[in-house]
Amino acid sequence: MSPLSHPISNTTHYPFLRQNPWFSGLPSGLQNGLIAASETCRLRDGDMLFSQGDALPEDGGVFFAVLDGNLKFSNLREDGREAILAVLEPGNWFGEITA
């Protein structure tokens, strides 16, 4: 874990996560499994969570939930200017899993 990461708290984050329709629709055992396998990561303004082309973790995937603040997805255009693809607010989820 990075210095800004720590295990996710079932008591702190579970009530917030339950407000998300996707998460609350999962069987409780799967909800608990996702929380148990999760950790929080705090980013400062301008920090990058990952870059295009970064490899997936060896266990086959990564999944993120925005708990607080906003997360901007962007890339650099050929002319060097930033193109904002999306801005995710708390309650949004994204990730990639390989089979």
PDB file of N, CA and C in Angstrom:
ATOM      1  N   MET A   1       0.839  -1.183   0.000  1.00  0.00           N
ATOM      2  CA  MET A   1       0.000   0.000   0.000  1.00  0.00           C
ATOM      3  C   MET A   1       0.880   1.242   0.000  1.00  0.00           C
ATOM      4  N   SER A   2       0.421   2.264  -0.651  1.00  0.00           N
ATOM      5  CA  SER A   2       1.158   3.524  -0.647  1.00  0.00           C
ATOM      6  C   SER A   2       0.910   4.238   0.678  1.00  0.00           C
ATOM      7  N   PRO A   3       1.708   5.279   0.981  1.00  0.00           N
ATOM      8  CA  PRO A   3       1.508   6.006   2.238  1.00  0.00           C
ATOM      9  C   PRO A   3       0.121   6.635   2.346  1.00  0.00           C
ATOM     10  N   LEU A   4      -0.544   6.852   1.208  1.00  0.00           N
ATOM     11  CA  LEU A   4      -1.861   7.468   1.244  1.00  0.00           C
ATOM     12  C   LEU A   4      -2.987   6.441   1.205  1.00  0.00           C
ATOM     13  N   SER A   5      -2.660   5.155   1.273  1.00  0.00           N
ATOM     14  CA  SER A   5      -3.654   4.096   1.213  1.00  0.00           C
ATOM     15  C   SER A   5      -3.775   3.402   2.562  1.00  0.00           C
ATOM     16  N   HIS A   6      -4.964   2.909   2.841  1.00  0.00           N
ATOM     17  CA  HIS A   6      -5.175   2.097   4.029  1.00  0.00           C
ATOM     18  C   HIS A   6      -6.399   1.235   3.800  1.00  0.00           C
ATOM     19  N   PRO A   7      -6.535   0.132   4.564  1.00  0.00           N
ATOM     20  CA  PRO A   7      -7.695  -0.748   4.363  1.00  0.00           C
ATOM     21  C   PRO A   7      -9.004   0.026   4.502  1.00  0.00           C
ATOM     22  N   ILE A   8      -9.972  -0.358   3.697  1.00  0.00           N
ATOM     23  CA  ILE A   8     -11.274   0.312   3.741  1.00  0.00           C
ATOM     24  C   ILE A   8     -11.994  -0.084   5.022  1.00  0.00           C
ATOM     25  N   SER A   9     -12.725   0.832   5.584  1.00  0.00           N
ATOM     26  CA  SER A   9     -13.431   0.588   6.835  1.00  0.00           C
ATOM     27  C   SER A   9     -14.866   0.169   6.547  1.00  0.00           C
ATOM     28  N   ASN A  10     -15.239  -0.982   7.053  1.00  0.00           N
ATOM     29  CA  ASN A  10     -16.601  -1.469   6.874  1.00  0.00           C
ATOM     30  C   ASN A  10     -17.606  -0.510   7.511  1.00  0.00           C
ATOM     31  N   THR A  11     -17.284   0.008   8.695  1.00  0.00           N
ATOM     32  CA  THR A  11     -18.226   0.884   9.390  1.00  0.00           C
ATOM     33  C   THR A  11     -18.260   2.280   8.789  1.00  0.00           C
ATOM     34  N   THR A  12     -17.137   2.776   8.293  1.00  0.00           N
ATOM     35  CA  THR A  12     -17.084   4.127   7.742  1.00  0.00           C
ATOM     36  C   THR A  12     -17.657   4.189   6.335  1.00  0.00           C
ATOM     37  N   HIS A  13     -17.287   3.254   5.468  1.00  0.00           N
ATOM     38  CA  HIS A  13     -17.643   3.345   4.063  1.00  0.00           C
ATOM     39  C   HIS A  13     -18.864   2.538   3.655  1.00  0.00           C
ATOM     40  N   TYR A  14     -19.204   1.508   4.402  1.00  0.00           N
ATOM     41  CA  TYR A  14     -20.314   0.644   4.012  1.00  0.00           C
ATOM     42  C   TYR A  14     -21.630   1.412   3.858  1.00  0.00           C
ATOM     43  N   PRO A  15     -22.008   2.280   4.820  1.00  0.00           N
ATOM     44  CA  PRO A  15     -23.269   3.014   4.643  1.00  0.00           C
ATOM     45  C   PRO A  15     -23.272   3.868   3.364  1.00  0.00           C
ATOM     46  N   PHE A  16     -22.160   4.490   3.042  1.00  0.00           N
ATOM     47  CA  PHE A  16     -22.078   5.283   1.821  1.00  0.00           C
ATOM     48  C   PHE A  16     -22.198   4.387   0.588  1.00  0.00           C
ATOM     49  N   LEU A  17     -21.476   3.282   0.585  1.00  0.00           N
ATOM     50  CA  LEU A  17     -21.507   2.380  -0.562  1.00  0.00           C
ATOM     51  C   LEU A  17     -22.902   1.796  -0.777  1.00  0.00           C
ATOM     52  N   ARG A  18     -23.634   1.543   0.307  1.00  0.00           N
ATOM     53  CA  ARG A  18     -24.991   0.987   0.202  1.00  0.00           C
ATOM     54  C   ARG A  18     -25.944   1.955  -0.502  1.00  0.00           C
ATOM     55  N   GLN A  19     -25.624   3.234  -0.570  1.00  0.00           N
ATOM     56  CA  GLN A  19     -26.469   4.211  -1.256  1.00  0.00           C
ATOM     57  C   GLN A  19     -26.359   4.070  -2.773  1.00  0.00           C
ATOM     58  N   ASN A  20     -25.326   3.381  -3.248  1.00  0.00           N
ATOM     59  CA  ASN A  20     -25.144   3.192  -4.677  1.00  0.00           C
ATOM     60  C   ASN A  20     -26.027   2.038  -5.147  1.00  0.00           C
ATOM     61  N   PRO A  21     -26.888   2.264  -6.163  1.00  0.00           N
ATOM     62  CA  PRO A  21     -27.796   1.198  -6.622  1.00  0.00           C
ATOM     63  C   PRO A  21     -27.067  -0.063  -7.090  1.00  0.00           C
ATOM     64  N   TRP A  22     -25.940   0.094  -7.769  1.00  0.00           N
ATOM     65  CA  TRP A  22     -25.205  -1.078  -8.240  1.00  0.00           C
ATOM     66  C   TRP A  22     -24.710  -1.896  -7.051  1.00  0.00           C
ATOM     67  N   PHE A  23     -24.059  -1.239  -6.095  1.00  0.00           N
ATOM     68  CA  PHE A  23     -23.490  -1.936  -4.949  1.00  0.00           C
ATOM     69  C   PHE A  23     -24.591  -2.554  -4.090  1.00  0.00           C
ATOM     70  N   SER A  24     -25.647  -1.803  -3.818  1.00  0.00           N
ATOM     71  CA  SER A  24     -26.702  -2.310  -2.942  1.00  0.00           C
ATOM     72  C   SER A  24     -27.469  -3.459  -3.583  1.00  0.00           C
ATOM     73  N   GLY A  25     -27.383  -3.594  -4.912  1.00  0.00           N
ATOM     74  CA  GLY A  25     -28.038  -4.702  -5.598  1.00  0.00           C
ATOM     75  C   GLY A  25     -27.259  -6.000  -5.567  1.00  0.00           C
ATOM     76  N   LEU A  26     -26.017  -5.948  -5.113  1.00  0.00           N
ATOM     77  CA  LEU A  26     -25.207  -7.161  -5.023  1.00  0.00           C
ATOM     78  C   LEU A  26     -25.613  -7.977  -3.805  1.00  0.00           C
ATOM     79  N   PRO A  27     -25.455  -9.302  -3.859  1.00  0.00           N
ATOM     80  CA  PRO A  27     -25.696 -10.123  -2.657  1.00  0.00           C
ATOM     81  C   PRO A  27     -24.776  -9.660  -1.523  1.00  0.00           C
ATOM     82  N   SER A  28     -25.260  -9.734  -0.293  1.00  0.00           N
ATOM     83  CA  SER A  28     -24.486  -9.216   0.843  1.00  0.00           C
ATOM     84  C   SER A  28     -23.111  -9.859   0.959  1.00  0.00           C
ATOM     85  N   GLY A  29     -22.992 -11.145   0.626  1.00  0.00           N
ATOM     86  CA  GLY A  29     -21.681 -11.798   0.687  1.00  0.00           C
ATOM     87  C   GLY A  29     -20.692 -11.184  -0.287  1.00  0.00           C
ATOM     88  N   LEU A  30     -21.158 -10.804  -1.466  1.00  0.00           N
ATOM     89  CA  LEU A  30     -20.295 -10.160  -2.450  1.00  0.00           C
ATOM     90  C   LEU A  30     -19.946  -8.740  -2.016  1.00  0.00           C
ATOM     91  N   GLN A  31     -20.907  -8.032  -1.439  1.00  0.00           N
ATOM     92  CA  GLN A  31     -20.628  -6.692  -0.901  1.00  0.00           C
ATOM     93  C   GLN A  31     -19.509  -6.775   0.135  1.00  0.00           C
ATOM     94  N   ASN A  32     -19.651  -7.717   1.077  1.00  0.00           N
ATOM     95  CA  ASN A  32     -18.639  -7.866   2.129  1.00  0.00           C
ATOM     96  C   ASN A  32     -17.286  -8.270   1.552  1.00  0.00           C
ATOM     97  N   GLY A  33     -17.294  -9.132   0.526  1.00  0.00           N
ATOM     98  CA  GLY A  33     -16.047  -9.531  -0.114  1.00  0.00           C
ATOM     99  C   GLY A  33     -15.352  -8.374  -0.797  1.00  0.00           C
ATOM    100  N   LEU A  34     -16.119  -7.518  -1.475  1.00  0.00           N
ATOM    101  CA  LEU A  34     -15.521  -6.346  -2.123  1.00  0.00           C
ATOM    102  C   LEU A  34     -14.910  -5.400  -1.099  1.00  0.00           C
ATOM    103  N   ILE A  35     -15.625  -5.181  -0.007  1.00  0.00           N
ATOM    104  CA  ILE A  35     -15.093  -4.301   1.036  1.00  0.00           C
ATOM    105  C   ILE A  35     -13.840  -4.902   1.663  1.00  0.00           C
ATOM    106  N   ALA A  36     -13.858  -6.205   1.935  1.00  0.00           N
ATOM    107  CA  ALA A  36     -12.700  -6.862   2.554  1.00  0.00           C
ATOM    108  C   ALA A  36     -11.464  -6.797   1.660  1.00  0.00           C
ATOM    109  N   ALA A  37     -11.657  -6.792   0.346  1.00  0.00           N
ATOM    110  CA  ALA A  37     -10.537  -6.772  -0.592  1.00  0.00           C
ATOM    111  C   ALA A  37     -10.145  -5.351  -0.991  1.00  0.00           C
ATOM    112  N   SER A  38     -10.749  -4.359  -0.372  1.00  0.00           N
ATOM    113  CA  SER A  38     -10.553  -2.967  -0.785  1.00  0.00           C
ATOM    114  C   SER A  38      -9.635  -2.200   0.142  1.00  0.00           C
ATOM    115  N   GLU A  39      -9.127  -1.127  -0.380  1.00  0.00           N
ATOM    116  CA  GLU A  39      -8.383  -0.164   0.423  1.00  0.00           C
ATOM    117  C   GLU A  39      -8.714   1.219  -0.109  1.00  0.00           C
ATOM    118  N   THR A  40      -8.591   2.210   0.757  1.00  0.00           N
ATOM    119  CA  THR A  40      -8.826   3.577   0.311  1.00  0.00           C
ATOM    120  C   THR A  40      -7.511   4.193  -0.139  1.00  0.00           C
ATOM    121  N   CYS A  41      -7.610   5.120  -1.035  1.00  0.00           N
ATOM    122  CA  CYS A  41      -6.445   5.828  -1.555  1.00  0.00           C
ATOM    123  C   CYS A  41      -6.819   7.301  -1.652  1.00  0.00           C
ATOM    124  N   ARG A  42      -6.103   8.131  -0.944  1.00  0.00           N
ATOM    125  CA  ARG A  42      -6.375   9.566  -0.974  1.00  0.00           C
ATOM    126  C   ARG A  42      -5.458  10.219  -2.005  1.00  0.00           C
ATOM    127  N   LEU A  43      -6.065  10.998  -2.874  1.00  0.00           N
ATOM    128  CA  LEU A  43      -5.311  11.725  -3.886  1.00  0.00           C
ATOM    129  C   LEU A  43      -5.396  13.214  -3.596  1.00  0.00           C
ATOM    130  N   ARG A  44      -4.322  13.906  -3.858  1.00  0.00           N
ATOM    131  CA  ARG A  44      -4.313  15.364  -3.752  1.00  0.00           C
ATOM    132  C   ARG A  44      -4.658  15.942  -5.117  1.00  0.00           C
ATOM    133  N   ASP A  45      -5.072  17.187  -5.148  1.00  0.00           N
ATOM    134  CA  ASP A  45      -5.347  17.843  -6.425  1.00  0.00           C
ATOM    135  C   ASP A  45      -4.165  17.667  -7.360  1.00  0.00           C
ATOM    136  N   GLY A  46      -4.437  17.210  -8.566  1.00  0.00           N
ATOM    137  CA  GLY A  46      -3.393  17.033  -9.567  1.00  0.00           C
ATOM    138  C   GLY A  46      -2.725  15.672  -9.560  1.00  0.00           C
ATOM    139  N   ASP A  47      -2.937  14.861  -8.509  1.00  0.00           N
ATOM    140  CA  ASP A  47      -2.363  13.516  -8.469  1.00  0.00           C
ATOM    141  C   ASP A  47      -3.007  12.643  -9.541  1.00  0.00           C
ATOM    142  N   MET A  48      -2.230  11.706 -10.080  1.00  0.00           N
ATOM    143  CA  MET A  48      -2.763  10.751 -11.044  1.00  0.00           C
ATOM    144  C   MET A  48      -2.957   9.408 -10.360  1.00  0.00           C
ATOM    145  N   LEU A  49      -4.138   8.853 -10.529  1.00  0.00           N
ATOM    146  CA  LEU A  49      -4.434   7.521  -9.995  1.00  0.00           C
ATOM    147  C   LEU A  49      -3.728   6.474 -10.844  1.00  0.00           C
ATOM    148  N   PHE A  50      -3.780   6.631 -12.155  1.00  0.00           N
ATOM    149  CA  PHE A  50      -3.072   5.768 -13.092  1.00  0.00           C
ATOM    150  C   PHE A  50      -2.967   6.488 -14.422  1.00  0.00           C
ATOM    151  N   SER A  51      -2.131   5.951 -15.293  1.00  0.00           N
ATOM    152  CA  SER A  51      -1.940   6.518 -16.625  1.00  0.00           C
ATOM    153  C   SER A  51      -2.349   5.502 -17.676  1.00  0.00           C
ATOM    154  N   GLN A  52      -2.741   5.992 -18.826  1.00  0.00           N
ATOM    155  CA  GLN A  52      -3.104   5.108 -19.926  1.00  0.00           C
ATOM    156  C   GLN A  52      -1.934   4.170 -20.213  1.00  0.00           C
ATOM    157  N   GLY A  53      -2.250   2.884 -20.351  1.00  0.00           N
ATOM    158  CA  GLY A  53      -1.219   1.887 -20.634  1.00  0.00           C
ATOM    159  C   GLY A  53      -0.652   1.212 -19.404  1.00  0.00           C
ATOM    160  N   ASP A  54      -0.990   1.701 -18.193  1.00  0.00           N
ATOM    161  CA  ASP A  54      -0.518   1.028 -16.976  1.00  0.00           C
ATOM    162  C   ASP A  54      -1.022  -0.411 -16.961  1.00  0.00           C
ATOM    163  N   ALA A  55      -0.197  -1.333 -16.498  1.00  0.00           N
ATOM    164  CA  ALA A  55      -0.571  -2.745 -16.420  1.00  0.00           C
ATOM    165  C   ALA A  55      -1.551  -2.966 -15.277  1.00  0.00           C
ATOM    166  N   LEU A  56      -2.431  -3.948 -15.458  1.00  0.00           N
ATOM    167  CA  LEU A  56      -3.338  -4.352 -14.391  1.00  0.00           C
ATOM    168  C   LEU A  56      -2.550  -5.082 -13.304  1.00  0.00           C
ATOM    169  N   PRO A  57      -3.049  -5.061 -12.070  1.00  0.00           N
ATOM    170  CA  PRO A  57      -2.394  -5.843 -11.021  1.00  0.00           C
ATOM    171  C   PRO A  57      -2.346  -7.320 -11.405  1.00  0.00           C
ATOM    172  N   GLU A  58      -1.394  -8.050 -10.856  1.00  0.00           N
ATOM    173  CA  GLU A  58      -1.196  -9.453 -11.198  1.00  0.00           C
ATOM    174  C   GLU A  58      -2.416 -10.321 -10.905  1.00  0.00           C
ATOM    175  N   ASP A  59      -3.265  -9.897  -9.959  1.00  0.00           N
ATOM    176  CA  ASP A  59      -4.443 -10.711  -9.635  1.00  0.00           C
ATOM    177  C   ASP A  59      -5.568 -10.553 -10.652  1.00  0.00           C
ATOM    178  N   GLY A  60      -5.362  -9.741 -11.691  1.00  0.00           N
ATOM    179  CA  GLY A  60      -6.292  -9.713 -12.810  1.00  0.00           C
ATOM    180  C   GLY A  60      -7.241  -8.549 -12.907  1.00  0.00           C
ATOM    181  N   GLY A  61      -7.175  -7.582 -12.045  1.00  0.00           N
ATOM    182  CA  GLY A  61      -8.081  -6.467 -12.211  1.00  0.00           C
ATOM    183  C   GLY A  61      -7.998  -5.445 -11.107  1.00  0.00           C
ATOM    184  N   VAL A  62      -8.754  -4.386 -11.321  1.00  0.00           N
ATOM    185  CA  VAL A  62      -8.808  -3.301 -10.356  1.00  0.00           C
ATOM    186  C   VAL A  62     -10.168  -2.632 -10.502  1.00  0.00           C
ATOM    187  N   PHE A  63     -10.713  -2.187  -9.399  1.00  0.00           N
ATOM    188  CA  PHE A  63     -12.037  -1.594  -9.387  1.00  0.00           C
ATOM    189  C   PHE A  63     -12.004  -0.432  -8.408  1.00  0.00           C
ATOM    190  N   PHE A  64     -12.578   0.698  -8.783  1.00  0.00           N
ATOM    191  CA  PHE A  64     -12.517   1.900  -7.964  1.00  0.00           C
ATOM    192  C   PHE A  64     -13.911   2.449  -7.703  1.00  0.00           C
ATOM    193  N   ALA A  65     -14.097   3.032  -6.532  1.00  0.00           N
ATOM    194  CA  ALA A  65     -15.298   3.787  -6.190  1.00  0.00           C
ATOM    195  C   ALA A  65     -14.841   5.171  -5.744  1.00  0.00           C
ATOM    196  N   VAL A  66     -15.485   6.196  -6.232  1.00  0.00           N
ATOM    197  CA  VAL A  66     -15.183   7.560  -5.795  1.00  0.00           C
ATOM    198  C   VAL A  66     -16.010   7.810  -4.535  1.00  0.00           C
ATOM    199  N   LEU A  67     -15.319   8.026  -3.410  1.00  0.00           N
ATOM    200  CA  LEU A  67     -15.997   8.213  -2.130  1.00  0.00           C
ATOM    201  C   LEU A  67     -16.179   9.678  -1.774  1.00  0.00           C
ATOM    202  N   ASP A  68     -15.266  10.529  -2.230  1.00  0.00           N
ATOM    203  CA  ASP A  68     -15.308  11.944  -1.871  1.00  0.00           C
ATOM    204  C   ASP A  68     -14.578  12.736  -2.945  1.00  0.00           C
ATOM    205  N   GLY A  69     -15.007  13.925  -3.213  1.00  0.00           N
ATOM    206  CA  GLY A  69     -14.358  14.767  -4.218  1.00  0.00           C
ATOM    207  C   GLY A  69     -14.737  14.327  -5.623  1.00  0.00           C
ATOM    208  N   ASN A  70     -13.975  14.780  -6.591  1.00  0.00           N
ATOM    209  CA  ASN A  70     -14.203  14.442  -7.994  1.00  0.00           C
ATOM    210  C   ASN A  70     -12.941  13.844  -8.582  1.00  0.00           C
ATOM    211  N   LEU A  71     -13.122  12.985  -9.571  1.00  0.00           N
ATOM    212  CA  LEU A  71     -11.999  12.358 -10.251  1.00  0.00           C
ATOM    213  C   LEU A  71     -12.144  12.633 -11.743  1.00  0.00           C
ATOM    214  N   LYS A  72     -11.123  13.236 -12.322  1.00  0.00           N
ATOM    215  CA  LYS A  72     -11.164  13.619 -13.731  1.00  0.00           C
ATOM    216  C   LYS A  72     -10.432  12.592 -14.575  1.00  0.00           C
ATOM    217  N   PHE A  73     -11.088  12.144 -15.653  1.00  0.00           N
ATOM    218  CA  PHE A  73     -10.458  11.297 -16.663  1.00  0.00           C
ATOM    219  C   PHE A  73     -10.103  12.190 -17.827  1.00  0.00           C
ATOM    220  N   SER A  74      -8.836  12.162 -18.226  1.00  0.00           N
ATOM    221  CA  SER A  74      -8.423  12.995 -19.350  1.00  0.00           C
ATOM    222  C   SER A  74      -7.256  12.341 -20.070  1.00  0.00           C
ATOM    223  N   ASN A  75      -6.983  12.842 -21.252  1.00  0.00           N
ATOM    224  CA  ASN A  75      -5.774  12.442 -21.971  1.00  0.00           C
ATOM    225  C   ASN A  75      -5.247  13.653 -22.711  1.00  0.00           C
ATOM    226  N   LEU A  76      -4.041  13.507 -23.228  1.00  0.00           N
ATOM    227  CA  LEU A  76      -3.440  14.608 -23.982  1.00  0.00           C
ATOM    228  C   LEU A  76      -3.697  14.392 -25.461  1.00  0.00           C
ATOM    229  N   ARG A  77      -4.177  15.439 -26.105  1.00  0.00           N
ATOM    230  CA  ARG A  77      -4.409  15.379 -27.547  1.00  0.00           C
ATOM    231  C   ARG A  77      -3.074  15.527 -28.271  1.00  0.00           C
ATOM    232  N   GLU A  78      -3.098  15.287 -29.556  1.00  0.00           N
ATOM    233  CA  GLU A  78      -1.867  15.389 -30.352  1.00  0.00           C
ATOM    234  C   GLU A  78      -1.255  16.782 -30.276  1.00  0.00           C
ATOM    235  N   ASP A  79      -2.089  17.801 -30.094  1.00  0.00           N
ATOM    236  CA  ASP A  79      -1.566  19.169 -30.011  1.00  0.00           C
ATOM    237  C   ASP A  79      -1.059  19.516 -28.611  1.00  0.00           C
ATOM    238  N   GLY A  80      -1.100  18.524 -27.676  1.00  0.00           N
ATOM    239  CA  GLY A  80      -0.581  18.722 -26.330  1.00  0.00           C
ATOM    240  C   GLY A  80      -1.589  19.262 -25.337  1.00  0.00           C
ATOM    241  N   ARG A  81      -2.788  19.573 -25.800  1.00  0.00           N
ATOM    242  CA  ARG A  81      -3.812  20.084 -24.889  1.00  0.00           C
ATOM    243  C   ARG A  81      -4.566  18.924 -24.242  1.00  0.00           C
ATOM    244  N   GLU A  82      -5.052  19.176 -23.043  1.00  0.00           N
ATOM    245  CA  GLU A  82      -5.789  18.160 -22.304  1.00  0.00           C
ATOM    246  C   GLU A  82      -7.218  18.050 -22.839  1.00  0.00           C
ATOM    247  N   ALA A  83      -7.661  16.823 -23.029  1.00  0.00           N
ATOM    248  CA  ALA A  83      -9.050  16.551 -23.392  1.00  0.00           C
ATOM    249  C   ALA A  83      -9.698  15.857 -22.194  1.00  0.00           C
ATOM    250  N   ILE A  84     -10.684  16.494 -21.585  1.00  0.00           N
ATOM    251  CA  ILE A  84     -11.374  15.909 -20.438  1.00  0.00           C
ATOM    252  C   ILE A  84     -12.430  14.955 -20.964  1.00  0.00           C
ATOM    253  N   LEU A  85     -12.323  13.689 -20.559  1.00  0.00           N
ATOM    254  CA  LEU A  85     -13.232  12.647 -21.022  1.00  0.00           C
ATOM    255  C   LEU A  85     -14.438  12.494 -20.100  1.00  0.00           C
ATOM    256  N   ALA A  86     -14.233  12.645 -18.805  1.00  0.00           N
ATOM    257  CA  ALA A  86     -15.312  12.512 -17.827  1.00  0.00           C
ATOM    258  C   ALA A  86     -14.841  13.066 -16.492  1.00  0.00           C
ATOM    259  N   VAL A  87     -15.788  13.475 -15.677  1.00  0.00           N
ATOM    260  CA  VAL A  87     -15.525  13.854 -14.291  1.00  0.00           C
ATOM    261  C   VAL A  87     -16.476  13.024 -13.441  1.00  0.00           C
ATOM    262  N   LEU A  88     -15.897  12.171 -12.590  1.00  0.00           N
ATOM    263  CA  LEU A  88     -16.701  11.291 -11.743  1.00  0.00           C
ATOM    264  C   LEU A  88     -16.879  11.912 -10.372  1.00  0.00           C
ATOM    265  N   GLU A  89     -18.105  11.837  -9.878  1.00  0.00           N
ATOM    266  CA  GLU A  89     -18.460  12.360  -8.567  1.00  0.00           C
ATOM    267  C   GLU A  89     -18.608  11.201  -7.585  1.00  0.00           C
ATOM    268  N   PRO A  90     -18.706  11.491  -6.291  1.00  0.00           N
ATOM    269  CA  PRO A  90     -18.884  10.426  -5.305  1.00  0.00           C
ATOM    270  C   PRO A  90     -20.057   9.514  -5.670  1.00  0.00           C
ATOM    271  N   GLY A  91     -19.826   8.210  -5.488  1.00  0.00           N
ATOM    272  CA  GLY A  91     -20.831   7.210  -5.805  1.00  0.00           C
ATOM    273  C   GLY A  91     -20.612   6.539  -7.147  1.00  0.00           C
ATOM    274  N   ASN A  92     -19.719   7.075  -7.965  1.00  0.00           N
ATOM    275  CA  ASN A  92     -19.419   6.463  -9.261  1.00  0.00           C
ATOM    276  C   ASN A  92     -18.358   5.381  -9.102  1.00  0.00           C
ATOM    277  N   TRP A  93     -18.445   4.383  -9.981  1.00  0.00           N
ATOM    278  CA  TRP A  93     -17.552   3.227  -9.970  1.00  0.00           C
ATOM    279  C   TRP A  93     -16.916   3.072 -11.332  1.00  0.00           C
ATOM    280  N   PHE A  94     -15.703   2.536 -11.378  1.00  0.00           N
ATOM    281  CA  PHE A  94     -15.060   2.200 -12.642  1.00  0.00           C
ATOM    282  C   PHE A  94     -13.965   1.188 -12.375  1.00  0.00           C
ATOM    283  N   GLY A  95     -13.522   0.511 -13.428  1.00  0.00           N
ATOM    284  CA  GLY A  95     -12.452  -0.447 -13.265  1.00  0.00           C
ATOM    285  C   GLY A  95     -12.353  -1.371 -14.453  1.00  0.00           C
ATOM    286  N   GLU A  96     -11.482  -2.344 -14.301  1.00  0.00           N
ATOM    287  CA  GLU A  96     -11.251  -3.331 -15.362  1.00  0.00           C
ATOM    288  C   GLU A  96     -10.874  -4.642 -14.707  1.00  0.00           C
ATOM    289  N   ILE A  97     -11.472  -5.710 -15.191  1.00  0.00           N
ATOM    290  CA  ILE A  97     -11.198  -7.032 -14.666  1.00  0.00           C
ATOM    291  C   ILE A  97     -10.896  -7.946 -15.834  1.00  0.00           C
ATOM    292  N   THR A  98      -9.860  -8.770 -15.701  1.00  0.00           N
ATOM    293  CA  THR A  98      -9.548  -9.748 -16.742  1.00  0.00           C
ATOM    294  C   THR A  98      -9.959 -11.121 -16.258  1.00  0.00           C
ATOM    295  N   ALA A  99     -10.321 -11.941 -17.206  1.00  0.00           N
ATOM    296  CA  ALA A  99     -10.756 -13.298 -16.846  1.00  0.00           C
ATOM    297  C   ALA A  99      -9.610 -14.269 -16.947  1.00  0.00           C
TER     298      ALA A  99
END
